[in-house]
N, C-alpha and C. Protein backbone atom coordinates (compact mmCIF):
# COMPACT_ATOMS: atom_id res chain seq x y z
N MET A 1 50.23 45.26 140.14
CA MET A 1 49.95 46.65 140.39
C MET A 1 48.82 46.76 141.40
N GLU A 2 49.04 47.53 142.44
CA GLU A 2 48.05 47.66 143.51
C GLU A 2 47.03 48.72 143.13
N GLU A 3 45.76 48.37 143.31
CA GLU A 3 44.67 49.30 142.97
C GLU A 3 44.31 50.13 144.19
N THR A 4 44.23 51.44 144.00
CA THR A 4 43.88 52.35 145.09
C THR A 4 42.45 52.83 144.88
N LYS A 5 41.65 52.70 145.93
CA LYS A 5 40.27 53.18 145.84
C LYS A 5 40.20 54.59 146.43
N ILE A 6 39.51 55.46 145.73
CA ILE A 6 39.32 56.83 146.18
C ILE A 6 37.86 57.01 146.57
N GLU A 7 37.67 57.52 147.77
CA GLU A 7 36.31 57.74 148.26
C GLU A 7 35.83 59.12 147.86
N LEU A 8 34.65 59.19 147.29
CA LEU A 8 34.06 60.46 146.88
C LEU A 8 33.51 61.18 148.11
N GLN A 9 33.88 62.44 148.26
CA GLN A 9 33.39 63.24 149.37
C GLN A 9 32.36 64.24 148.84
N LEU A 10 31.19 64.22 149.43
CA LEU A 10 30.13 65.15 149.04
C LEU A 10 30.06 66.28 150.05
N ILE A 11 29.93 67.50 149.57
CA ILE A 11 29.83 68.68 150.42
C ILE A 11 28.53 69.39 150.08
N LYS A 12 27.76 69.69 151.10
CA LYS A 12 26.52 70.43 150.88
C LYS A 12 26.85 71.87 150.52
N LEU A 13 26.12 72.42 149.60
CA LEU A 13 26.34 73.80 149.20
C LEU A 13 26.14 74.75 150.37
N SER A 14 25.27 74.39 151.29
CA SER A 14 25.02 75.24 152.46
C SER A 14 26.22 75.27 153.41
N GLU A 15 27.15 74.32 153.27
CA GLU A 15 28.33 74.27 154.13
C GLU A 15 29.53 75.03 153.57
N ILE A 16 29.42 75.52 152.35
CA ILE A 16 30.53 76.22 151.71
C ILE A 16 30.50 77.69 152.12
N GLN A 17 31.64 78.18 152.59
CA GLN A 17 31.77 79.57 152.99
C GLN A 17 32.12 80.42 151.77
N SER A 18 31.46 81.54 151.63
CA SER A 18 31.78 82.43 150.52
C SER A 18 33.07 83.19 150.84
N GLN A 19 33.77 83.59 149.81
CA GLN A 19 35.00 84.35 149.99
C GLN A 19 35.13 85.37 148.86
N GLU A 20 35.80 86.45 149.17
CA GLU A 20 36.00 87.49 148.18
C GLU A 20 37.00 87.03 147.13
N VAL A 21 36.76 87.41 145.90
CA VAL A 21 37.62 87.01 144.79
C VAL A 21 38.61 88.13 144.50
N SER A 22 39.89 87.75 144.36
CA SER A 22 40.92 88.70 143.93
C SER A 22 41.02 88.60 142.41
N TRP A 23 41.16 89.74 141.76
CA TRP A 23 41.15 89.77 140.30
C TRP A 23 42.50 90.16 139.73
N LEU A 24 42.95 89.40 138.73
CA LEU A 24 44.10 89.80 137.94
C LEU A 24 43.67 90.87 136.95
N TRP A 25 42.51 90.63 136.30
CA TRP A 25 41.95 91.57 135.33
C TRP A 25 40.44 91.55 135.51
N PHE A 26 39.91 92.53 136.24
CA PHE A 26 38.49 92.57 136.57
C PHE A 26 37.68 92.93 135.33
N PRO A 27 36.60 92.27 135.07
CA PRO A 27 35.99 91.07 135.66
C PRO A 27 36.26 89.82 134.84
N PHE A 28 37.43 89.75 134.21
CA PHE A 28 37.70 88.66 133.28
C PHE A 28 38.53 87.52 133.84
N ILE A 29 39.61 87.82 134.57
CA ILE A 29 40.54 86.78 135.02
C ILE A 29 40.76 86.89 136.52
N PRO A 30 40.16 85.97 137.31
CA PRO A 30 40.39 85.97 138.76
C PRO A 30 41.66 85.21 139.12
N TYR A 31 42.28 85.58 140.24
CA TYR A 31 43.42 84.84 140.77
C TYR A 31 42.94 83.53 141.37
N GLY A 32 43.67 82.45 141.13
CA GLY A 32 43.40 81.18 141.78
C GLY A 32 42.14 80.47 141.33
N LYS A 33 41.58 80.86 140.22
CA LYS A 33 40.37 80.23 139.69
C LYS A 33 40.64 79.76 138.28
N LEU A 34 39.83 78.86 137.79
CA LEU A 34 39.96 78.37 136.44
C LEU A 34 39.36 79.39 135.47
N THR A 35 40.14 79.75 134.45
CA THR A 35 39.66 80.65 133.41
C THR A 35 39.79 79.93 132.08
N ILE A 36 38.72 79.88 131.31
CA ILE A 36 38.73 79.19 130.02
C ILE A 36 38.66 80.23 128.91
N ILE A 37 39.59 80.14 127.97
CA ILE A 37 39.58 80.98 126.78
C ILE A 37 39.03 80.12 125.66
N GLN A 38 37.86 80.44 125.17
CA GLN A 38 37.15 79.61 124.21
C GLN A 38 36.97 80.38 122.91
N GLY A 39 37.06 79.66 121.80
CA GLY A 39 36.82 80.27 120.51
C GLY A 39 37.12 79.29 119.40
N ASP A 40 36.77 79.67 118.19
CA ASP A 40 37.02 78.84 117.02
C ASP A 40 38.50 78.87 116.66
N PRO A 41 38.96 77.85 115.92
CA PRO A 41 40.34 77.86 115.46
C PRO A 41 40.63 79.13 114.63
N GLY A 42 41.77 79.74 114.91
CA GLY A 42 42.15 80.93 114.16
C GLY A 42 41.63 82.23 114.74
N ASP A 43 40.92 82.19 115.86
CA ASP A 43 40.38 83.41 116.47
C ASP A 43 41.43 84.23 117.22
N GLY A 44 42.60 83.65 117.49
CA GLY A 44 43.65 84.39 118.16
C GLY A 44 43.76 84.12 119.65
N LYS A 45 43.29 82.96 120.11
CA LYS A 45 43.34 82.63 121.54
C LYS A 45 44.78 82.55 122.04
N THR A 46 45.63 81.87 121.29
CA THR A 46 47.03 81.73 121.69
C THR A 46 47.73 83.08 121.71
N THR A 47 47.51 83.89 120.69
CA THR A 47 48.10 85.23 120.63
C THR A 47 47.63 86.08 121.81
N PHE A 48 46.37 85.98 122.15
CA PHE A 48 45.81 86.72 123.28
C PHE A 48 46.48 86.33 124.59
N ILE A 49 46.61 85.02 124.83
CA ILE A 49 47.21 84.53 126.07
C ILE A 49 48.70 84.88 126.13
N LEU A 50 49.41 84.75 125.01
CA LEU A 50 50.82 85.11 124.98
C LEU A 50 51.02 86.61 125.22
N ASN A 51 50.10 87.42 124.72
CA ASN A 51 50.15 88.87 124.96
C ASN A 51 49.97 89.18 126.44
N ILE A 52 49.02 88.51 127.08
CA ILE A 52 48.80 88.71 128.52
C ILE A 52 50.04 88.29 129.30
N ALA A 53 50.61 87.12 128.97
CA ALA A 53 51.79 86.63 129.68
C ALA A 53 52.96 87.58 129.50
N ALA A 54 53.16 88.09 128.29
CA ALA A 54 54.27 89.01 128.03
C ALA A 54 54.11 90.30 128.82
N LYS A 55 52.91 90.86 128.84
CA LYS A 55 52.69 92.11 129.57
C LYS A 55 52.89 91.93 131.07
N LEU A 56 52.37 90.84 131.63
CA LEU A 56 52.52 90.59 133.06
C LEU A 56 53.98 90.35 133.43
N SER A 57 54.72 89.66 132.57
CA SER A 57 56.12 89.39 132.88
C SER A 57 56.99 90.64 132.79
N LYS A 58 56.50 91.67 132.08
CA LYS A 58 57.24 92.94 132.00
C LYS A 58 56.71 93.97 132.99
N GLY A 59 55.64 93.63 133.72
CA GLY A 59 55.07 94.55 134.69
C GLY A 59 54.15 95.58 134.08
N GLU A 60 53.69 95.34 132.85
CA GLU A 60 52.78 96.26 132.19
C GLU A 60 51.34 95.91 132.54
N SER A 61 50.44 96.89 132.40
CA SER A 61 49.03 96.66 132.69
C SER A 61 48.34 96.04 131.47
N LEU A 62 47.26 95.32 131.74
CA LEU A 62 46.49 94.72 130.66
C LEU A 62 45.52 95.71 130.05
N ASP A 63 45.12 96.71 130.81
CA ASP A 63 44.28 97.79 130.29
C ASP A 63 44.63 99.07 131.03
N GLY A 64 43.94 100.15 130.73
CA GLY A 64 44.26 101.44 131.32
C GLY A 64 44.04 101.53 132.82
N GLY A 65 43.23 100.65 133.40
CA GLY A 65 42.91 100.73 134.81
C GLY A 65 43.81 99.94 135.72
N MET A 66 44.80 99.25 135.16
CA MET A 66 45.67 98.40 135.97
C MET A 66 47.07 98.96 136.00
N ASN A 67 47.71 98.92 137.17
CA ASN A 67 49.10 99.32 137.30
C ASN A 67 49.83 98.31 138.16
N PHE A 68 50.89 97.72 137.65
CA PHE A 68 51.70 96.79 138.41
C PHE A 68 53.00 97.48 138.79
N ILE A 69 53.47 97.23 139.98
CA ILE A 69 54.71 97.83 140.47
C ILE A 69 55.92 97.04 139.95
N GLU A 70 55.83 95.71 139.97
CA GLU A 70 56.94 94.89 139.52
C GLU A 70 56.41 93.75 138.65
N PRO A 71 57.27 93.20 137.80
CA PRO A 71 56.84 92.11 136.92
C PRO A 71 56.39 90.87 137.70
N LEU A 72 55.47 90.12 137.12
CA LEU A 72 54.96 88.89 137.72
C LEU A 72 55.57 87.69 137.02
N ASN A 73 55.70 86.60 137.75
CA ASN A 73 56.11 85.33 137.14
C ASN A 73 54.92 84.71 136.44
N VAL A 74 55.13 84.25 135.23
CA VAL A 74 54.04 83.60 134.48
C VAL A 74 54.46 82.21 134.08
């Protein structure tokens, strides 16, 4: 088995360009970013995520301030 070496690339924070964030559900879930749902066992994390997926797949809003025109793929 051939071993592949990966070189670590370091980037200075001063070289990173800022960009505006698009939100699926402001200010909780941004598009294209990592979102972690954390809680104790039995808190309803799975039910919460399945509810969000179901609403988005039907084109429903997650709260009163959101309106989707067509359903999203989840």
